[in-house]
C-alpha atoms as a PDB file:
ATOM      1  CA  MET A   1      11.404  -4.020 -21.421  1.00  0.00           C
ATOM      2  CA  SER A   2      14.235  -3.088 -18.665  1.00  0.00           C
ATOM      3  CA  GLU A   3      16.266  -5.755 -17.134  1.00  0.00           C
ATOM      4  CA  VAL A   4      15.523  -4.904 -14.158  1.00  0.00           C
ATOM      5  CA  ILE A   5      12.246  -5.217 -14.509  1.00  0.00           C
ATOM      6  CA  ASP A   6      12.890  -9.053 -15.505  1.00  0.00           C
ATOM      7  CA  ALA A   7      14.895  -9.325 -13.041  1.00  0.00           C
ATOM      8  CA  ALA A   8      12.195  -8.909 -10.759  1.00  0.00           C
ATOM      9  CA  VAL A   9       9.013  -9.775 -11.494  1.00  0.00           C
ATOM     10  CA  ALA A  10      11.179 -13.122 -12.273  1.00  0.00           C
ATOM     11  CA  ALA A  11      12.179 -12.744  -8.359  1.00  0.00           C
ATOM     12  CA  LEU A  12       8.446 -11.335  -7.309  1.00  0.00           C
ATOM     13  CA  ASN A  13       6.656 -14.607  -9.043  1.00  0.00           C
ATOM     14  CA  GLU A  14       8.148 -16.847  -6.985  1.00  0.00           C
ATOM     15  CA  LYS A  15       7.270 -16.297  -3.447  1.00  0.00           C
ATOM     16  CA  ASP A  16       4.370 -17.331  -2.727  1.00  0.00           C
ATOM     17  CA  THR A  17       1.508 -14.446  -3.244  1.00  0.00           C
ATOM     18  CA  SER A  18      -2.126 -16.055  -3.297  1.00  0.00           C
ATOM     19  CA  GLU A  19      -2.286 -14.633   0.038  1.00  0.00           C
ATOM     20  CA  PHE A  20      -2.086 -11.396  -0.603  1.00  0.00           C
ATOM     21  CA  ASP A  21      -4.993  -9.955  -0.650  1.00  0.00           C
ATOM     22  CA  GLY A  22      -4.736  -6.503  -3.110  1.00  0.00           C
ATOM     23  CA  LYS A  23      -2.944  -4.943  -6.031  1.00  0.00           C
ATOM     24  CA  ALA A  24       0.535  -3.608  -5.415  1.00  0.00           C
ATOM     25  CA  LYS A  25       2.673  -1.438  -7.814  1.00  0.00           C
ATOM     26  CA  PHE A  26       5.917  -0.828  -7.436  1.00  0.00           C
ATOM     27  CA  LEU A  27       8.103   2.148  -9.486  1.00  0.00           C
ATOM     28  CA  ILE A  28      11.892   1.207 -10.220  1.00  0.00           C
ATOM     29  CA  GLU A  29      13.413   4.854 -10.367  1.00  0.00           C
ATOM     30  CA  ASP A  30      14.092   5.077 -14.150  1.00  0.00           C
ATOM     31  CA  GLU A  31      12.730   1.605 -15.018  1.00  0.00           C
ATOM     32  CA  GLY A  32       9.085   1.448 -15.189  1.00  0.00           C
ATOM     33  CA  ALA A  33       6.613  -0.360 -13.360  1.00  0.00           C
ATOM     34  CA  ILE A  34       5.818  -4.036 -12.169  1.00  0.00           C
ATOM     35  CA  VAL A  35       1.910  -5.008 -10.728  1.00  0.00           C
ATOM     36  CA  LEU A  36       1.844  -7.872  -8.050  1.00  0.00           C
ATOM     37  CA  ASP A  37      -1.977  -8.967  -7.545  1.00  0.00           C
ATOM     38  CA  SER A  38      -2.939 -12.765  -6.294  1.00  0.00           C
ATOM     39  CA  ALA A  39      -1.755 -13.633 -10.178  1.00  0.00           C
ATOM     40  CA  GLY A  40       1.682 -13.151  -9.662  1.00  0.00           C
ATOM     41  CA  ALA A  41       3.801  -9.761 -10.592  1.00  0.00           C
ATOM     42  CA  ARG A  42       4.105  -8.863 -13.999  1.00  0.00           C
ATOM     43  CA  ALA A  43       5.644  -5.269 -16.113  1.00  0.00           C
ATOM     44  CA  ALA A  44       3.019  -3.571 -15.942  1.00  0.00           C
ATOM     45  CA  ASP A  45       1.497   0.712 -14.980  1.00  0.00           C
ATOM     46  CA  GLU A  46      -1.055  -0.155 -13.826  1.00  0.00           C
ATOM     47  CA  ASP A  47      -3.798   1.031 -10.668  1.00  0.00           C
ATOM     48  CA  ALA A  48      -3.128  -0.689  -7.668  1.00  0.00           C
ATOM     49  CA  ASP A  49      -4.347  -0.020  -4.080  1.00  0.00           C
ATOM     50  CA  VAL A  50      -1.073   0.574  -2.954  1.00  0.00           C
ATOM     51  CA  THR A  51       2.215   1.892  -4.512  1.00  0.00           C
ATOM     52  CA  LEU A  52       5.760   1.567  -3.370  1.00  0.00           C
ATOM     53  CA  SER A  53       8.567   3.079  -5.043  1.00  0.00           C
ATOM     54  CA  ALA A  54      12.208   3.488  -4.862  1.00  0.00           C
ATOM     55  CA  ASP A  55      15.191   3.009  -6.857  1.00  0.00           C
ATOM     56  CA  ALA A  56      16.401   0.404  -8.567  1.00  0.00           C
ATOM     57  CA  GLU A  57      19.243  -0.508  -6.001  1.00  0.00           C
ATOM     58  CA  THR A  58      16.736  -0.469  -3.122  1.00  0.00           C
ATOM     59  CA  PHE A  59      14.204  -2.742  -5.149  1.00  0.00           C
ATOM     60  CA  GLN A  60      16.790  -5.385  -5.879  1.00  0.00           C
ATOM     61  CA  ALA A  61      18.307  -5.745  -2.026  1.00  0.00           C
ATOM     62  CA  ILE A  62      14.704  -6.215  -0.868  1.00  0.00           C
ATOM     63  CA  LEU A  63      14.338  -8.986  -3.486  1.00  0.00           C
ATOM     64  CA  SER A  64      17.289 -10.199  -2.489  1.00  0.00           C
ATOM     65  CA  GLY A  65      16.869 -10.454   1.042  1.00  0.00           C
ATOM     66  CA  ALA A  66      19.497  -8.638   2.338  1.00  0.00           C
ATOM     67  CA  MET A  67      17.182  -5.858   2.769  1.00  0.00           C
ATOM     68  CA  ASP A  68      14.015  -5.474   5.147  1.00  0.00           C
ATOM     69  CA  PRO A  69      11.184  -3.988   3.294  1.00  0.00           C
ATOM     70  CA  THR A  70      10.187  -1.807   6.517  1.00  0.00           C
ATOM     71  CA  SER A  71      13.160  -0.934   7.624  1.00  0.00           C
ATOM     72  CA  ALA A  72      13.829   0.639   3.941  1.00  0.00           C
ATOM     73  CA  PHE A  73      10.472   2.543   4.727  1.00  0.00           C
ATOM     74  CA  MET A  74      11.291   4.192   7.830  1.00  0.00           C
ATOM     75  CA  THR A  75      15.219   5.966   6.227  1.00  0.00           C
ATOM     76  CA  GLY A  76      13.582   6.351   3.742  1.00  0.00           C
ATOM     77  CA  LYS A  77      14.392   4.686   0.720  1.00  0.00           C
ATOM     78  CA  LEU A  78      11.018   2.956   0.090  1.00  0.00           C
ATOM     79  CA  SER A  79       7.689   5.300  -0.412  1.00  0.00           C
ATOM     80  CA  VAL A  80       4.752   4.146   0.601  1.00  0.00           C
ATOM     81  CA  ASP A  81       1.660   5.633  -0.988  1.00  0.00           C
ATOM     82  CA  GLY A  82      -2.346   4.024  -0.172  1.00  0.00           C
ATOM     83  CA  ASP A  83      -3.482   1.728   1.605  1.00  0.00           C
ATOM     84  CA  MET A  84      -0.460   0.698   4.715  1.00  0.00           C
ATOM     85  CA  GLY A  85      -1.852  -2.237   5.340  1.00  0.00           C
ATOM     86  CA  MET A  86      -1.515  -3.361   2.213  1.00  0.00           C
ATOM     87  CA  ALA A  87       1.435  -2.153   1.661  1.00  0.00           C
ATOM     88  CA  MET A  88       2.086  -3.732   6.088  1.00  0.00           C
ATOM     89  CA  GLN A  89       0.878  -7.506   4.165  1.00  0.00           C
ATOM     90  CA  LEU A  90       3.214  -6.910   1.704  1.00  0.00           C
ATOM     91  CA  GLY A  91       6.189  -6.913   3.605  1.00  0.00           C
ATOM     92  CA  ALA A  92       5.148 -10.294   4.925  1.00  0.00           C
ATOM     93  CA  VAL A  93       4.639 -11.693   1.016  1.00  0.00           C
ATOM     94  CA  LEU A  94       8.326  -9.980  -0.054  1.00  0.00           C
ATOM     95  CA  SER A  95      10.114 -11.729   2.698  1.00  0.00           C
END
Protein backbone atom coordinates (compact mmCIF):
# COMPACT_ATOMS: atom_id res chain seq x y z
CA MET A 1 0.00 0.00 0.00
CA SER A 2 1.27 3.47 -0.79
CA GLU A 3 2.19 6.17 1.69
CA VAL A 4 -0.36 8.46 0.00
CA ILE A 5 -3.18 5.97 0.66
CA ASP A 6 -2.03 5.39 4.25
CA ALA A 7 -1.91 9.15 4.92
CA ALA A 8 -5.31 9.72 3.31
CA VAL A 9 -6.93 6.91 5.34
CA ALA A 10 -5.47 8.40 8.53
CA ALA A 11 -6.68 11.91 7.63
CA LEU A 12 -10.17 10.67 6.77
CA ASN A 13 -10.41 8.69 10.00
CA GLU A 14 -9.76 11.91 11.95
CA LYS A 15 -12.98 13.38 10.49
CA ASP A 16 -16.43 12.66 11.92
CA THR A 17 -18.04 10.36 9.37
CA SER A 18 -20.79 9.08 11.67
CA GLU A 19 -23.38 11.29 9.92
CA PHE A 20 -22.34 10.10 6.44
CA ASP A 21 -25.15 7.88 5.27
CA GLY A 22 -23.62 5.95 2.38
CA LYS A 23 -20.44 4.54 0.91
CA ALA A 24 -17.94 6.62 -1.05
CA LYS A 25 -14.86 5.53 -2.95
CA PHE A 26 -11.87 7.77 -3.59
CA LEU A 27 -9.76 6.74 -6.58
CA ILE A 28 -6.34 8.33 -6.35
CA GLU A 29 -4.49 8.19 -9.67
CA ASP A 30 -1.45 5.88 -9.64
CA GLU A 31 -1.96 5.17 -5.91
CA GLY A 32 -5.10 3.12 -5.24
CA ALA A 33 -8.53 3.41 -3.68
CA ILE A 34 -10.09 4.27 -0.33
CA VAL A 35 -13.62 3.49 0.81
CA LEU A 36 -15.38 5.73 3.33
CA ASP A 37 -18.63 4.99 5.16
CA SER A 38 -20.12 5.68 8.60
CA ALA A 39 -17.61 3.24 10.14
CA GLY A 40 -14.64 5.24 8.80
CA ALA A 41 -12.09 4.96 6.02
CA ARG A 42 -10.08 1.98 4.82
CA ALA A 43 -7.86 1.12 1.90
CA ALA A 44 -10.18 -0.89 -0.35
CA ASP A 45 -11.64 -1.00 -3.84
CA GLU A 46 -15.32 -1.84 -3.33
CA ASP A 47 -18.57 -0.81 -4.98
CA ALA A 48 -19.83 2.51 -3.61
CA ASP A 49 -22.72 4.96 -3.98
CA VAL A 50 -20.36 7.61 -5.32
CA THR A 51 -16.80 7.53 -6.66
CA LEU A 52 -14.51 10.56 -6.57
CA SER A 53 -11.41 10.52 -8.74
CA ALA A 54 -8.41 12.85 -8.73
CA ASP A 55 -4.65 12.90 -8.56
CA ALA A 56 -2.80 12.57 -5.26
CA GLU A 57 -1.99 16.29 -5.07
CA THR A 58 -5.68 17.26 -5.36
CA PHE A 59 -6.77 14.75 -2.70
CA GLN A 60 -4.05 15.92 -0.34
CA ALA A 61 -5.13 19.54 -0.81
CA ILE A 62 -8.78 18.66 -0.16
CA LEU A 63 -7.97 16.63 2.96
CA SER A 64 -5.70 19.35 4.37
CA GLY A 65 -8.36 22.01 3.79
CA ALA A 66 -6.22 23.89 1.26
CA MET A 67 -8.74 23.15 -1.53
CA ASP A 68 -12.53 23.15 -1.36
CA PRO A 69 -14.02 19.93 -2.81
CA THR A 70 -16.66 21.90 -4.73
CA SER A 71 -13.99 24.14 -6.28
CA ALA A 72 -11.94 21.08 -7.22
CA PHE A 73 -15.00 19.61 -8.96
CA MET A 74 -15.90 22.86 -10.73
CA THR A 75 -12.35 23.28 -12.06
CA GLY A 76 -12.17 19.69 -13.32
CA LYS A 77 -9.55 18.53 -10.82
CA LEU A 78 -12.05 16.18 -9.15
CA SER A 79 -14.50 13.98 -11.04
CA VAL A 80 -17.62 12.47 -9.52
CA ASP A 81 -19.39 9.34 -10.73
CA GLY A 82 -22.59 8.17 -9.10
CA ASP A 83 -24.96 9.77 -6.59
CA MET A 84 -24.36 13.54 -6.73
CA GLY A 85 -26.42 14.07 -3.55
CA MET A 86 -24.10 11.69 -1.73
CA ALA A 87 -21.13 13.62 -3.10
CA MET A 88 -22.58 16.86 -1.70
CA GLN A 89 -23.09 15.20 1.70
CA LEU A 90 -19.50 13.98 1.54
CA GLY A 91 -18.29 17.52 0.83
CA ALA A 92 -19.69 18.58 4.21
CA VAL A 93 -17.82 15.72 5.92
CA LEU A 94 -14.54 16.68 4.26
CA SER A 95 -14.80 20.38 5.18
